[in-house]
N, C-alpha and C. Protein backbone atom coordinates (compact mmCIF):
# COMPACT_ATOMS: atom_id res chain seq x y z
N MET A 1 -6.69 -11.12 5.14
CA MET A 1 -7.58 -9.58 5.69
C MET A 1 -8.92 -10.41 6.15
N ASN A 2 -9.49 -10.68 7.38
CA ASN A 2 -10.73 -10.99 7.77
C ASN A 2 -11.63 -9.94 7.83
N ILE A 3 -13.25 -9.92 7.04
CA ILE A 3 -13.89 -9.29 7.71
C ILE A 3 -15.10 -9.96 8.09
N GLN A 4 -15.27 -9.44 9.35
CA GLN A 4 -17.04 -10.28 9.97
C GLN A 4 -17.98 -8.50 10.16
N SER A 5 -18.66 -8.97 9.93
CA SER A 5 -20.28 -7.82 9.87
C SER A 5 -20.36 -7.92 11.32
N LYS A 6 -20.88 -6.79 11.76
CA LYS A 6 -20.56 -6.51 12.93
C LYS A 6 -22.78 -6.66 13.31
N ILE A 7 -23.15 -7.77 13.19
CA ILE A 7 -24.60 -8.03 12.97
C ILE A 7 -25.53 -7.05 13.50
N THR A 8 -26.06 -6.57 14.45
CA THR A 8 -27.04 -5.21 14.48
C THR A 8 -26.54 -4.30 14.37
N GLU A 9 -25.31 -3.51 14.47
CA GLU A 9 -24.88 -2.53 13.71
C GLU A 9 -25.07 -2.30 12.49
N HIS A 10 -25.07 -3.76 11.23
CA HIS A 10 -25.98 -3.42 9.72
C HIS A 10 -26.76 -3.18 9.82
N LYS A 11 -27.55 -4.88 10.93
CA LYS A 11 -29.03 -4.56 10.43
C LYS A 11 -29.63 -3.55 11.15
N MET A 12 -29.22 -2.43 11.97
CA MET A 12 -29.87 -1.51 12.83
C MET A 12 -30.04 -0.29 11.40
N ILE A 13 -28.57 -0.07 10.58
CA ILE A 13 -28.38 0.49 9.57
C ILE A 13 -29.53 0.48 8.85
N LEU A 14 -29.43 -0.96 8.53
CA LEU A 14 -30.42 -1.45 6.76
C LEU A 14 -32.17 -0.09 7.51
N LEU A 15 -32.29 -0.68 9.20
CA LEU A 15 -34.00 -0.09 8.54
C LEU A 15 -33.84 0.85 8.68
N LYS A 16 -32.78 2.16 9.25
CA LYS A 16 -33.29 3.09 9.70
C LYS A 16 -32.66 4.09 8.63
N LYS A 17 -32.26 3.54 7.67
CA LYS A 17 -32.82 3.50 6.37
C LYS A 17 -33.81 3.25 5.76
N GLY A 18 -34.48 2.40 6.26
CA GLY A 18 -35.94 1.51 5.28
C GLY A 18 -34.89 0.73 3.80
N LEU A 19 -34.00 -0.18 3.94
CA LEU A 19 -33.88 -0.79 3.02
C LEU A 19 -33.69 -2.25 3.77
N SER A 20 -34.79 -2.78 2.81
CA SER A 20 -34.74 -4.32 3.06
C SER A 20 -33.49 -4.65 2.13
N VAL A 21 -33.41 -6.28 2.69
CA VAL A 21 -32.11 -6.99 1.99
C VAL A 21 -32.18 -7.22 0.42
N THR A 22 -33.59 -7.20 0.69
CA THR A 22 -33.66 -7.49 -1.06
C THR A 22 -33.22 -6.29 -1.84
N ASP A 23 -33.75 -4.75 -1.24
CA ASP A 23 -33.20 -4.15 -2.16
C ASP A 23 -31.63 -3.69 -1.77
N TYR A 24 -30.92 -3.69 -0.39
CA TYR A 24 -29.65 -3.82 -0.40
C TYR A 24 -28.70 -4.43 -1.77
N ALA A 25 -29.73 -5.71 -1.34
CA ALA A 25 -28.93 -6.80 -2.46
C ALA A 25 -29.03 -6.54 -4.71
N LYS A 26 -29.62 -5.59 -4.42
CA LYS A 26 -30.13 -5.26 -5.32
C LYS A 26 -29.32 -3.90 -5.92
N ASN A 27 -29.25 -3.32 -4.94
CA ASN A 27 -28.00 -1.83 -5.36
C ASN A 27 -26.42 -2.59 -5.53
N LEU A 28 -26.11 -3.44 -4.88
CA LEU A 28 -25.31 -4.03 -4.11
C LEU A 28 -24.33 -4.99 -5.42
N ASP A 29 -25.51 -5.11 -6.29
CA ASP A 29 -25.63 -6.05 -7.50
C ASP A 29 -24.94 -7.17 -6.89
N ILE A 30 -25.63 -7.78 -5.48
CA ILE A 30 -25.12 -9.25 -5.16
C ILE A 30 -26.32 -10.01 -4.92
N ASN A 31 -26.20 -11.59 -4.92
CA ASN A 31 -27.54 -12.25 -4.39
C ASN A 31 -28.12 -11.50 -3.42
N ILE A 32 -29.15 -11.78 -3.00
CA ILE A 32 -29.90 -11.93 -1.84
C ILE A 32 -29.95 -12.70 -0.60
N SER A 33 -29.25 -13.94 -1.22
CA SER A 33 -28.69 -15.22 -0.49
C SER A 33 -28.00 -14.85 0.31
N TYR A 34 -26.68 -14.46 -0.64
CA TYR A 34 -25.23 -14.17 -0.03
C TYR A 34 -24.76 -13.11 1.29
N ALA A 35 -26.39 -11.56 0.46
CA ALA A 35 -26.22 -10.51 1.49
C ALA A 35 -26.18 -11.47 2.94
N ASN A 36 -28.22 -11.82 2.69
CA ASN A 36 -28.07 -12.57 4.09
C ASN A 36 -27.04 -12.52 4.94
N GLN A 37 -26.07 -13.39 3.90
CA GLN A 37 -25.04 -14.45 5.06
C GLN A 37 -24.03 -13.08 5.26
N ILE A 38 -24.10 -12.23 4.66
CA ILE A 38 -22.44 -10.98 5.04
C ILE A 38 -23.17 -10.75 6.52
N ILE A 39 -24.43 -10.15 6.17
CA ILE A 39 -25.36 -9.05 7.08
C ILE A 39 -25.73 -10.42 9.02
N ASN A 40 -25.92 -11.80 8.43
CA ASN A 40 -25.49 -12.38 9.29
C ASN A 40 -24.49 -13.13 10.17
N GLY A 41 -23.57 -12.71 9.99
CA GLY A 41 -22.07 -13.09 9.82
C GLY A 41 -21.53 -14.48 9.42
N LYS A 42 -22.79 -15.20 8.51
CA LYS A 42 -22.45 -15.89 8.51
C LYS A 42 -20.66 -16.69 7.01
N ARG A 43 -20.85 -15.84 6.43
CA ARG A 43 -19.97 -15.39 4.97
C ARG A 43 -19.16 -14.11 5.55
N SER A 44 -17.77 -13.65 4.54
CA SER A 44 -17.11 -12.90 5.04
C SER A 44 -17.27 -12.08 3.59
N PRO A 45 -17.31 -10.38 3.49
CA PRO A 45 -17.03 -9.83 2.01
C PRO A 45 -15.89 -10.33 1.47
N SER A 46 -15.37 -9.27 0.62
CA SER A 46 -14.37 -9.96 -0.49
C SER A 46 -13.76 -7.93 0.92
N PRO A 47 -12.67 -7.79 0.28
CA PRO A 47 -12.44 -5.92 1.00
C PRO A 47 -13.38 -4.97 0.12
N LYS A 48 -13.51 -5.49 -1.55
CA LYS A 48 -13.91 -4.49 -2.06
C LYS A 48 -15.37 -4.73 -1.77
N LEU A 49 -16.23 -5.86 -2.11
CA LEU A 49 -17.30 -5.42 -1.34
C LEU A 49 -17.78 -4.67 -0.02
N ALA A 50 -16.91 -5.33 0.70
CA ALA A 50 -16.67 -4.39 2.34
C ALA A 50 -17.63 -3.22 2.30
N LYS A 51 -15.97 -2.50 1.37
CA LYS A 51 -16.22 -0.83 0.93
C LYS A 51 -17.12 -0.50 0.37
N LYS A 52 -17.85 -1.21 -1.24
CA LYS A 52 -19.10 -0.83 -1.39
C LYS A 52 -19.58 -0.63 -0.84
N MET A 53 -20.10 -1.82 0.11
CA MET A 53 -21.60 -2.31 1.14
C MET A 53 -21.30 -1.17 2.09
N ALA A 54 -20.13 -0.45 2.98
CA ALA A 54 -20.52 0.40 3.32
C ALA A 54 -20.12 1.91 2.77
N GLU A 55 -19.67 2.48 1.64
CA GLU A 55 -19.97 3.33 1.45
C GLU A 55 -21.63 3.86 0.42
N PHE A 56 -22.00 2.64 -0.12
CA PHE A 56 -23.82 2.47 -0.38
C PHE A 56 -24.95 2.71 1.60
N LEU A 57 -24.50 2.36 2.17
CA LEU A 57 -24.91 2.70 3.37
C LEU A 57 -24.51 4.03 4.10
N GLY A 58 -23.49 5.10 3.46
CA GLY A 58 -22.93 6.34 3.54
C GLY A 58 -22.09 5.86 5.25
N VAL A 59 -20.79 4.66 5.35
CA VAL A 59 -21.25 4.76 6.57
C VAL A 59 -19.40 4.76 7.05
N ASP A 60 -18.71 4.39 7.65
CA ASP A 60 -17.32 3.61 7.17
C ASP A 60 -17.24 2.47 7.64
N ILE A 61 -16.70 2.09 6.70
CA ILE A 61 -16.07 0.20 7.02
C ILE A 61 -16.32 -0.54 8.50
N GLU A 62 -15.61 0.86 9.67
CA GLU A 62 -15.66 -0.60 10.70
C GLU A 62 -16.91 0.01 11.42
N LYS A 63 -18.26 0.61 10.27
CA LYS A 63 -19.03 0.59 11.52
C LYS A 63 -19.74 -0.32 11.57
N ILE A 64 -20.27 -0.94 10.41
CA ILE A 64 -21.40 -2.95 9.87
C ILE A 64 -19.46 -3.81 10.59
N PHE A 65 -17.92 -3.34 10.14
CA PHE A 65 -17.90 -4.74 10.28
C PHE A 65 -15.98 -4.88 11.17
N ILE A 66 -16.02 -6.13 11.07
CA ILE A 66 -14.66 -6.20 12.39
C ILE A 66 -13.85 -6.24 11.33
N LEU A 67 -12.70 -5.64 11.02
CA LEU A 67 -11.86 -5.74 10.88
C LEU A 67 -10.80 -6.53 11.21
N SER A 68 -9.39 -7.66 11.14
CA SER A 68 -8.41 -7.79 10.90
C SER A 68 -7.46 -8.45 10.37
N VAL A 69 -6.35 -8.89 10.48
CA VAL A 69 -5.04 -8.18 9.90
C VAL A 69 -5.13 -10.35 9.95
N VAL A 70 -5.21 -11.14 9.00
CA VAL A 70 -4.47 -12.26 8.93
C VAL A 70 -3.06 -12.68 8.85
N ASN A 71 -2.48 -13.27 9.55
CA ASN A 71 -1.63 -13.72 9.35
C ASN A 71 -0.46 -15.16 8.69
N ASN A 72 -0.86 -14.76 7.49
CA ASN A 72 0.11 -16.19 6.64
C ASN A 72 1.02 -16.76 6.60
N TYR A 73 1.51 -16.38 6.97
CA TYR A 73 3.66 -16.77 7.21
C TYR A 73 3.20 -18.43 7.57
N ASP A 74 4.03 -18.76 6.74
CA ASP A 74 4.09 -20.35 7.06
C ASP A 74 5.36 -20.68 7.64
N ALA A 75 5.82 -20.56 8.99
CA ALA A 75 6.97 -21.06 9.62
C ALA A 75 7.88 -21.42 9.26
N THR A 76 7.80 -22.59 8.39
CA THR A 76 8.37 -24.06 7.58
C THR A 76 9.05 -22.95 6.19
N THR A 77 8.59 -22.15 5.53
CA THR A 77 9.14 -20.84 4.60
C THR A 77 10.36 -20.26 5.73
N LYS A 78 11.09 -20.20 5.33
CA LYS A 78 12.18 -19.43 5.78
C LYS A 78 12.90 -18.16 4.83
N GLN A 79 12.08 -17.06 4.87
CA GLN A 79 13.29 -15.71 3.79
C GLN A 79 14.18 -14.84 4.13
């Protein structure tokens, strides 16, 4: 699964809740730099972390992330 941040929505929710990235990262037990990279769409969180982020913010995961299924099927492998 590929998970990409909805940058504007993610930032707006943090602002509305009065949360800094530092507070957000500390509550999620992740590095501040990593949190910034996720919020700004430079890194993708694991599905588990994406769920944890959404739950912490009290929103559906689709509100702050674009979820897409990645097909890792290898055409050279016959099943």
